[in-house]
Amino acid sequence: MFMSTNDSDHHYPAIQNAFQGGLGAHLQALPQAWQDALADEPTRRVLQEMDAFLDERLAQGLRIFPLRPFRALLEVAPQDVQVVILGQDPYHGPNQAQGLAFSVPDRCPAPPSLLNMFAELSREYPDTFTRQRNSLIRWARRGALLLNTSLTVEAHKPASHAKRGWEAVTDAILARVLREPRPKAFLLWGSHAQSKQALLDSHPPQGPLLVLKANHPSPLSALRPPRPFIGCGHFLKANEWLREHGETGIDWLENRVPPEPPPVSQDCPPAPAPAAPDALPADAASMTMLDALNPLQVTERATLIQLLDTYRWNISNVAKALGISRNTLYRKLHRLCIPLSSQSEQDGVAAGRQGP
């Protein structure tokens, strides 16, 4: 096994999800239906080029994730796909990427995009939502194809394998799904996923198809108009549509444990338990300032309040989900006239002294 020359990996003593080469062997391990989907000459040629490219990068001592690039195809057969969720490329940190879009092992803290997906789920299912496991294998095995548009990435270099050929491979995978008569929903979040609209237009589906679009769940875009991810309602809309067409839909909240990966290691500590909620008293003085907000700010305010509710008004967790410091979040709350408890205000002063 090669050793990475990247110093930033030296504090990860047991990196378990690095690609080891031999893309052809991974292809041969796929179910026959997926192998057939990737068997046409143009796609095979691209895969051969990708195999050579990956081997070249490995020979240079670079670390590549994930261990199994085609993991999404191992978890669900083409005829069983009910929902397609498209990501961009795998997580580029050690022991994160599993080969399933947005998913990380349970022993790893949830990345901000995944936290925002859980926040949206709690908004759509307020009465039944429970804390979710970070591994989304359970969704895949219930009929969700969790596919990235690029299937590999180099350590600490996001999008490093984009436009290298993976896009043609994932096009072939999606085209195979579209040939199934079963009703299916495509959830296209962000520009990378929405670039597949051209494929949908050129490959008329054999069965009913629902296409839902929103911003990517990343903190950089989750709240941004005109189609913010937070508040999109896609999980519920997809299930309602599927059930109208005679399908079961995906039980997004089912937390039953699938076969477990290796034991917890020191490189990825378990995520902390949710903190207790802060109180939210009424603040008449702040509410009288709402008239000064423009319509865009009113929308942003409502969306942010939903996010605060999801994280039970824990400022640190909300700031992390948005990818901003606590000080920046406090300024945003003040600008949007969102009142906080006195205890939260004291915490904000402390955060200002300590930094984000």
Protein backbone atom coordinates (compact mmCIF):
# COMPACT_ATOMS: atom_id res chain seq x y z
CA MET A 1 0.00 0.00 0.00
CA PHE A 2 1.41 3.39 -0.99
CA MET A 3 1.95 6.18 1.50
CA SER A 4 0.65 9.67 0.86
CA THR A 5 3.18 12.48 0.70
CA ASN A 6 0.59 14.93 2.00
CA ASP A 7 1.66 16.09 5.46
CA SER A 8 -1.91 17.00 6.37
CA ASP A 9 -2.77 13.29 6.46
CA HIS A 10 -0.11 12.37 9.03
CA HIS A 11 -2.52 12.72 11.96
CA TYR A 12 -4.86 10.13 10.40
CA PRO A 13 -3.17 6.86 11.47
CA ALA A 14 -5.77 4.52 9.93
CA ILE A 15 -7.15 5.84 6.65
CA GLN A 16 -9.59 3.17 5.58
CA ASN A 17 -11.33 4.62 2.53
CA ALA A 18 -8.47 5.25 0.08
CA PHE A 19 -8.78 3.87 -3.45
CA GLN A 20 -6.23 1.14 -4.13
CA GLY A 21 -6.36 1.03 -7.95
CA GLY A 22 -7.72 -1.59 -10.34
CA LEU A 23 -10.86 0.14 -11.60
CA GLY A 24 -11.52 -2.81 -13.90
CA ALA A 25 -11.89 -5.15 -10.94
CA HIS A 26 -14.43 -2.80 -9.39
CA LEU A 27 -16.42 -2.91 -12.63
CA GLN A 28 -16.39 -6.70 -12.72
CA ALA A 29 -17.77 -6.79 -9.17
CA LEU A 30 -20.90 -4.88 -10.21
CA PRO A 31 -24.25 -6.61 -10.75
CA GLN A 32 -24.70 -7.62 -14.38
CA ALA A 33 -27.38 -5.00 -15.06
CA TRP A 34 -24.96 -2.19 -14.17
CA GLN A 35 -22.11 -3.83 -16.09
CA ASP A 36 -24.32 -3.94 -19.17
CA ALA A 37 -25.16 -0.25 -18.70
CA LEU A 38 -21.46 0.59 -18.93
CA ALA A 39 -20.60 -1.84 -21.73
CA ASP A 40 -21.02 0.34 -24.83
CA GLU A 41 -17.81 1.24 -26.62
CA PRO A 42 -17.67 5.00 -25.80
CA THR A 43 -18.26 4.39 -22.09
CA ARG A 44 -15.75 1.52 -21.95
CA ARG A 45 -13.16 3.74 -23.58
CA VAL A 46 -13.74 6.47 -20.99
CA LEU A 47 -13.47 3.92 -18.19
CA GLN A 48 -10.16 2.64 -19.57
CA GLU A 49 -8.88 6.22 -19.68
CA MET A 50 -10.06 6.79 -16.11
CA ASP A 51 -8.35 3.58 -14.99
CA ALA A 52 -5.05 4.74 -16.50
CA PHE A 53 -5.45 8.23 -15.04
CA LEU A 54 -6.15 6.91 -11.54
CA ASP A 55 -3.22 4.49 -11.66
CA GLU A 56 -0.95 7.34 -12.77
CA ARG A 57 -2.05 9.54 -9.87
CA LEU A 58 -1.58 6.70 -7.40
CA ALA A 59 1.91 6.05 -8.77
CA GLN A 60 2.72 9.69 -7.99
CA GLY A 61 1.94 9.04 -4.33
CA LEU A 62 -1.40 10.85 -4.27
CA ARG A 63 -4.27 9.63 -2.16
CA ILE A 64 -7.65 9.15 -3.84
CA PHE A 65 -11.09 8.59 -2.34
CA PRO A 66 -13.27 6.57 -2.01
CA LEU A 67 -12.23 2.94 -1.63
CA ARG A 68 -15.14 1.76 -3.81
CA PRO A 69 -16.06 4.34 -6.48
CA PHE A 70 -19.10 2.33 -7.63
CA ARG A 71 -20.53 1.76 -4.14
CA ALA A 72 -23.85 3.41 -5.10
CA LEU A 73 -24.39 0.74 -7.77
CA LEU A 74 -23.70 -2.07 -5.33
CA GLU A 75 -26.51 -0.95 -3.03
CA VAL A 76 -29.43 -0.64 -5.46
CA ALA A 77 -30.28 -2.30 -8.78
CA PRO A 78 -31.55 -0.23 -11.74
CA GLN A 79 -35.05 -1.70 -11.47
CA ASP A 80 -35.25 -0.83 -7.77
CA VAL A 81 -34.45 2.89 -8.06
CA GLN A 82 -37.26 5.13 -6.86
CA VAL A 83 -35.28 8.31 -6.14
CA VAL A 84 -32.05 9.67 -7.61
CA ILE A 85 -30.07 12.16 -5.52
CA LEU A 86 -27.11 13.65 -7.35
CA GLY A 87 -24.05 15.04 -5.62
CA GLN A 88 -20.92 16.70 -7.04
CA ASP A 89 -17.86 14.68 -6.08
CA PRO A 90 -16.88 12.58 -3.04
CA TYR A 91 -15.81 14.18 0.22
CA HIS A 92 -12.08 14.82 0.02
CA GLY A 93 -11.14 14.32 3.69
CA PRO A 94 -9.79 11.04 5.10
CA ASN A 95 -12.38 8.44 6.14
CA GLN A 96 -15.34 10.44 4.90
CA ALA A 97 -16.35 9.34 1.38
CA GLN A 98 -18.19 6.02 1.11
CA GLY A 99 -19.06 6.08 -2.59
CA LEU A 100 -22.58 7.32 -1.77
CA ALA A 101 -23.42 10.97 -2.42
CA PHE A 102 -23.60 13.06 0.79
CA SER A 103 -23.08 10.02 3.06
CA VAL A 104 -20.29 9.52 5.62
CA PRO A 105 -19.70 6.70 8.12
CA ASP A 106 -21.56 7.05 11.40
CA ARG A 107 -18.26 7.40 13.26
CA CYS A 108 -17.52 10.65 11.39
CA PRO A 109 -19.14 14.01 12.18
CA ALA A 110 -21.77 15.01 9.65
CA PRO A 111 -20.48 17.52 7.06
CA PRO A 112 -22.42 20.80 6.75
CA SER A 113 -24.32 19.72 3.60
CA LEU A 114 -25.55 16.57 5.32
CA LEU A 115 -26.53 18.57 8.40
CA ASN A 116 -28.64 20.81 6.19
CA MET A 117 -30.30 17.75 4.63
CA PHE A 118 -31.24 16.56 8.11
CA ALA A 119 -32.43 20.08 8.95
CA GLU A 120 -34.73 20.00 5.93
CA LEU A 121 -36.00 16.55 6.88
CA SER A 122 -36.87 17.78 10.37
CA ARG A 123 -38.72 20.72 8.83
CA GLU A 124 -40.74 18.44 6.53
CA TYR A 125 -41.44 15.77 9.17
CA PRO A 126 -41.64 17.78 12.43
CA ASP A 127 -43.73 15.20 14.30
CA THR A 128 -41.71 12.09 13.50
CA PHE A 129 -38.14 13.32 12.96
CA THR A 130 -35.48 11.77 15.17
CA ARG A 131 -31.74 12.23 15.18
CA GLN A 132 -30.36 10.60 12.04
CA ARG A 133 -27.39 8.36 11.41
CA ASN A 134 -24.74 9.91 9.15
CA SER A 135 -24.45 6.86 6.91
CA LEU A 136 -27.12 6.91 4.21
CA ILE A 137 -26.70 3.27 3.23
CA ARG A 138 -30.21 2.72 4.58
CA TRP A 139 -31.61 5.12 1.93
CA ALA A 140 -29.71 3.36 -0.84
CA ARG A 141 -31.02 -0.05 0.16
CA ARG A 142 -34.56 1.30 0.13
CA GLY A 143 -34.33 2.54 -3.46
CA ALA A 144 -32.35 5.81 -3.49
CA LEU A 145 -29.48 6.03 -5.97
CA LEU A 146 -26.99 8.33 -4.21
CA LEU A 147 -24.74 9.20 -7.13
CA ASN A 148 -22.03 11.82 -7.47
CA THR A 149 -21.42 13.29 -10.92
CA SER A 150 -17.70 12.56 -10.38
CA LEU A 151 -16.86 9.27 -8.64
CA THR A 152 -13.35 9.94 -7.31
CA VAL A 153 -11.43 12.83 -5.80
CA GLU A 154 -7.89 13.50 -4.56
CA ALA A 155 -7.29 14.15 -0.88
CA HIS A 156 -7.92 17.77 0.09
CA LYS A 157 -8.59 18.79 -3.56
CA PRO A 158 -12.32 19.19 -4.22
CA ALA A 159 -13.39 18.72 -7.84
CA SER A 160 -9.90 17.45 -8.71
CA HIS A 161 -11.34 14.68 -10.91
CA ALA A 162 -14.17 16.71 -12.42
CA LYS A 163 -14.20 16.90 -16.23
CA ARG A 164 -11.83 13.94 -16.45
CA GLY A 165 -14.42 11.56 -17.87
CA TRP A 166 -16.62 10.56 -14.94
CA GLU A 167 -19.46 12.71 -16.25
CA ALA A 168 -19.88 10.42 -19.29
CA VAL A 169 -19.93 7.39 -16.99
CA THR A 170 -22.59 8.84 -14.69
CA ASP A 171 -24.60 9.84 -17.78
CA ALA A 172 -24.63 6.17 -18.81
CA ILE A 173 -25.73 5.15 -15.30
CA LEU A 174 -28.60 7.64 -15.30
CA ALA A 175 -29.62 6.69 -18.85
CA ARG A 176 -29.95 3.08 -17.64
CA VAL A 177 -32.19 4.19 -14.76
CA LEU A 178 -34.38 6.15 -17.18
CA ARG A 179 -34.99 3.00 -19.24
CA GLU A 180 -36.81 1.39 -16.33
CA PRO A 181 -40.62 1.75 -16.43
CA ARG A 182 -40.83 2.24 -12.67
CA PRO A 183 -41.83 5.77 -11.54
CA LYS A 184 -38.87 7.70 -10.17
CA ALA A 185 -38.01 11.13 -8.79
CA PHE A 186 -34.79 13.01 -9.58
CA LEU A 187 -33.69 15.50 -6.91
CA LEU A 188 -31.31 17.94 -8.57
CA TRP A 189 -29.57 20.13 -6.00
CA GLY A 190 -27.11 22.70 -7.31
CA SER A 191 -25.63 23.44 -10.72
CA HIS A 192 -23.65 20.19 -11.04
CA ALA A 193 -26.74 18.07 -10.55
CA GLN A 194 -28.91 20.35 -12.67
CA SER A 195 -26.44 20.02 -15.55
CA LYS A 196 -27.94 16.54 -15.99
CA GLN A 197 -31.19 18.14 -17.18
CA ALA A 198 -29.76 17.94 -20.72
CA LEU A 199 -29.51 14.17 -20.33
CA LEU A 200 -33.10 13.97 -19.11
CA ASP A 201 -34.23 15.99 -22.13
CA SER A 202 -32.37 13.76 -24.59
CA HIS A 203 -33.37 10.43 -22.99
CA PRO A 204 -37.15 10.34 -22.59
CA PRO A 205 -37.95 8.15 -19.57
CA GLN A 206 -39.77 4.87 -20.01
CA GLY A 207 -41.88 5.55 -16.94
CA PRO A 208 -43.29 8.52 -15.00
CA LEU A 209 -40.62 10.98 -13.91
CA LEU A 210 -40.63 13.81 -11.37
CA VAL A 211 -37.78 16.33 -11.44
CA LEU A 212 -37.31 18.64 -8.43
CA LYS A 213 -34.66 21.37 -8.38
CA ALA A 214 -33.18 23.49 -5.60
CA ASN A 215 -29.88 24.97 -4.53
CA HIS A 216 -27.18 22.67 -3.21
CA PRO A 217 -27.49 21.97 0.55
CA SER A 218 -24.03 23.48 1.12
CA PRO A 219 -24.04 26.37 3.64
CA LEU A 220 -22.92 28.61 0.76
CA SER A 221 -26.24 28.17 -1.04
CA ALA A 222 -28.77 26.42 1.21
CA LEU A 223 -30.58 29.65 2.11
CA ARG A 224 -29.96 31.59 -1.10
CA PRO A 225 -32.93 32.65 -3.26
CA PRO A 226 -34.61 32.05 -5.61
CA ARG A 227 -34.65 28.28 -4.87
CA PRO A 228 -33.13 27.77 -1.41
CA PHE A 229 -32.58 24.20 -0.32
CA ILE A 230 -33.91 24.83 3.18
CA GLY A 231 -37.67 24.90 2.69
CA CYS A 232 -37.68 23.07 -0.67
CA GLY A 233 -39.84 20.21 0.65
CA HIS A 234 -38.26 17.70 -1.73
CA PHE A 235 -38.21 14.66 0.55
CA LEU A 236 -41.93 14.91 1.25
CA LYS A 237 -42.87 15.93 -2.32
CA ALA A 238 -40.97 12.99 -3.81
CA ASN A 239 -42.66 10.50 -1.50
CA GLU A 240 -46.13 11.93 -2.04
CA TRP A 241 -45.67 11.77 -5.83
CA LEU A 242 -44.26 8.22 -5.72
CA ARG A 243 -47.17 6.99 -3.61
CA GLU A 244 -49.63 8.60 -6.01
CA HIS A 245 -47.98 6.43 -8.68
CA GLY A 246 -48.24 3.21 -6.67
CA GLU A 247 -44.74 3.15 -5.15
CA THR A 248 -43.73 2.90 -1.51
CA GLY A 249 -41.39 5.89 -1.54
CA ILE A 250 -38.32 6.12 0.69
CA ASP A 251 -38.62 5.95 4.46
CA TRP A 252 -36.18 8.81 5.04
CA LEU A 253 -36.45 8.58 8.82
CA GLU A 254 -35.96 4.82 9.26
CA ASN A 255 -32.79 4.45 11.31
CA ARG A 256 -32.41 0.68 11.39
CA VAL A 257 -28.74 -0.22 11.41
CA PRO A 258 -27.39 -1.90 8.24
CA PRO A 259 -24.22 -4.06 8.42
CA GLU A 260 -21.72 -1.98 10.35
CA PRO A 261 -18.30 -0.78 9.01
CA PRO A 262 -15.09 -1.32 11.07
CA PRO A 263 -15.11 -0.16 14.72
CA VAL A 264 -14.82 3.46 15.71
CA SER A 265 -11.25 4.73 15.31
CA GLN A 266 -9.49 7.71 16.86
CA ASP A 267 -9.26 9.59 13.56
CA CYS A 268 -13.00 10.28 13.44
CA PRO A 269 -14.60 10.79 16.86
CA PRO A 270 -18.35 10.27 17.21
CA ALA A 271 -20.54 13.29 16.63
CA PRO A 272 -21.56 15.04 19.85
CA ALA A 273 -25.06 14.69 21.21
CA PRO A 274 -27.48 17.54 20.43
CA ALA A 275 -27.30 20.39 22.90
CA ALA A 276 -30.28 21.51 24.95
CA PRO A 277 -32.40 24.22 23.32
CA ASP A 278 -32.17 27.85 24.29
CA ALA A 279 -35.38 29.63 25.26
CA LEU A 280 -36.90 32.10 22.82
CA PRO A 281 -38.79 34.85 24.65
CA ALA A 282 -40.97 37.36 22.89
CA ASP A 283 -39.27 40.61 22.06
CA ALA A 284 -41.79 43.28 21.12
CA ALA A 285 -39.13 45.92 20.44
CA SER A 286 -37.48 43.73 17.83
CA MET A 287 -40.78 42.74 16.25
CA THR A 288 -41.72 46.35 15.62
CA MET A 289 -38.64 46.63 13.40
CA LEU A 290 -39.97 44.00 10.97
CA ASP A 291 -41.70 46.66 8.91
CA ALA A 292 -38.26 47.90 7.87
CA LEU A 293 -37.34 44.57 6.24
CA ASN A 294 -37.65 44.23 2.49
CA PRO A 295 -39.41 41.14 0.98
CA LEU A 296 -36.11 39.31 0.37
CA GLN A 297 -35.09 39.83 4.00
CA VAL A 298 -38.49 38.61 5.17
CA THR A 299 -37.98 35.37 3.23
CA GLU A 300 -34.44 34.99 4.56
CA ARG A 301 -35.69 35.62 8.10
CA ALA A 302 -38.37 32.91 7.87
CA THR A 303 -35.90 30.39 6.44
CA LEU A 304 -33.32 31.14 9.12
CA ILE A 305 -35.91 30.75 11.88
CA GLN A 306 -36.76 27.32 10.47
CA LEU A 307 -33.08 26.40 10.61
CA LEU A 308 -32.81 27.69 14.18
CA ASP A 309 -35.82 25.60 15.15
CA THR A 310 -34.21 22.54 13.59
CA TYR A 311 -31.08 22.96 15.68
CA ARG A 312 -33.16 23.90 18.74
CA TRP A 313 -31.67 27.39 18.78
CA ASN A 314 -28.15 26.15 19.45
CA ILE A 315 -26.09 28.98 17.97
CA SER A 316 -22.88 27.01 17.53
CA ASN A 317 -24.61 24.24 15.57
CA VAL A 318 -26.49 26.69 13.35
CA ALA A 319 -23.29 28.62 12.61
CA LYS A 320 -21.55 25.37 11.69
CA ALA A 321 -24.40 24.36 9.37
CA LEU A 322 -24.19 27.73 7.61
CA GLY A 323 -20.40 27.67 7.44
CA ILE A 324 -20.00 30.99 9.24
CA SER A 325 -18.63 32.14 12.58
CA ARG A 326 -20.91 32.68 15.57
CA ASN A 327 -20.18 36.40 15.47
CA THR A 328 -21.34 36.57 11.86
CA LEU A 329 -24.48 34.64 12.74
CA TYR A 330 -25.26 37.01 15.63
CA ARG A 331 -24.94 39.97 13.29
CA LYS A 332 -27.27 38.29 10.81
CA LEU A 333 -29.83 37.58 13.55
CA HIS A 334 -29.73 41.21 14.66
CA ARG A 335 -30.07 42.47 11.08
CA LEU A 336 -33.11 40.25 10.51
CA CYS A 337 -34.71 41.15 13.86
CA ILE A 338 -34.60 37.62 15.26
CA PRO A 339 -34.70 37.85 19.08
CA LEU A 340 -32.61 35.65 21.35
CA SER A 341 -32.73 34.85 25.04
CA SER A 342 -30.52 36.77 27.46
CA GLN A 343 -28.44 33.62 27.94
CA SER A 344 -27.85 33.44 24.19
CA GLU A 345 -26.76 37.06 24.16
CA GLN A 346 -24.26 36.32 26.94
CA ASP A 347 -22.97 33.36 24.94
CA GLY A 348 -22.55 35.69 21.98
CA VAL A 349 -20.34 38.02 24.01
CA ALA A 350 -18.24 35.06 25.07
CA ALA A 351 -18.04 33.88 21.46
CA GLY A 352 -16.82 37.32 20.48
CA ARG A 353 -13.96 37.05 22.97
CA GLN A 354 -13.04 33.51 21.98
CA GLY A 355 -13.48 33.69 18.22
CA PRO A 356 -15.48 31.27 16.02
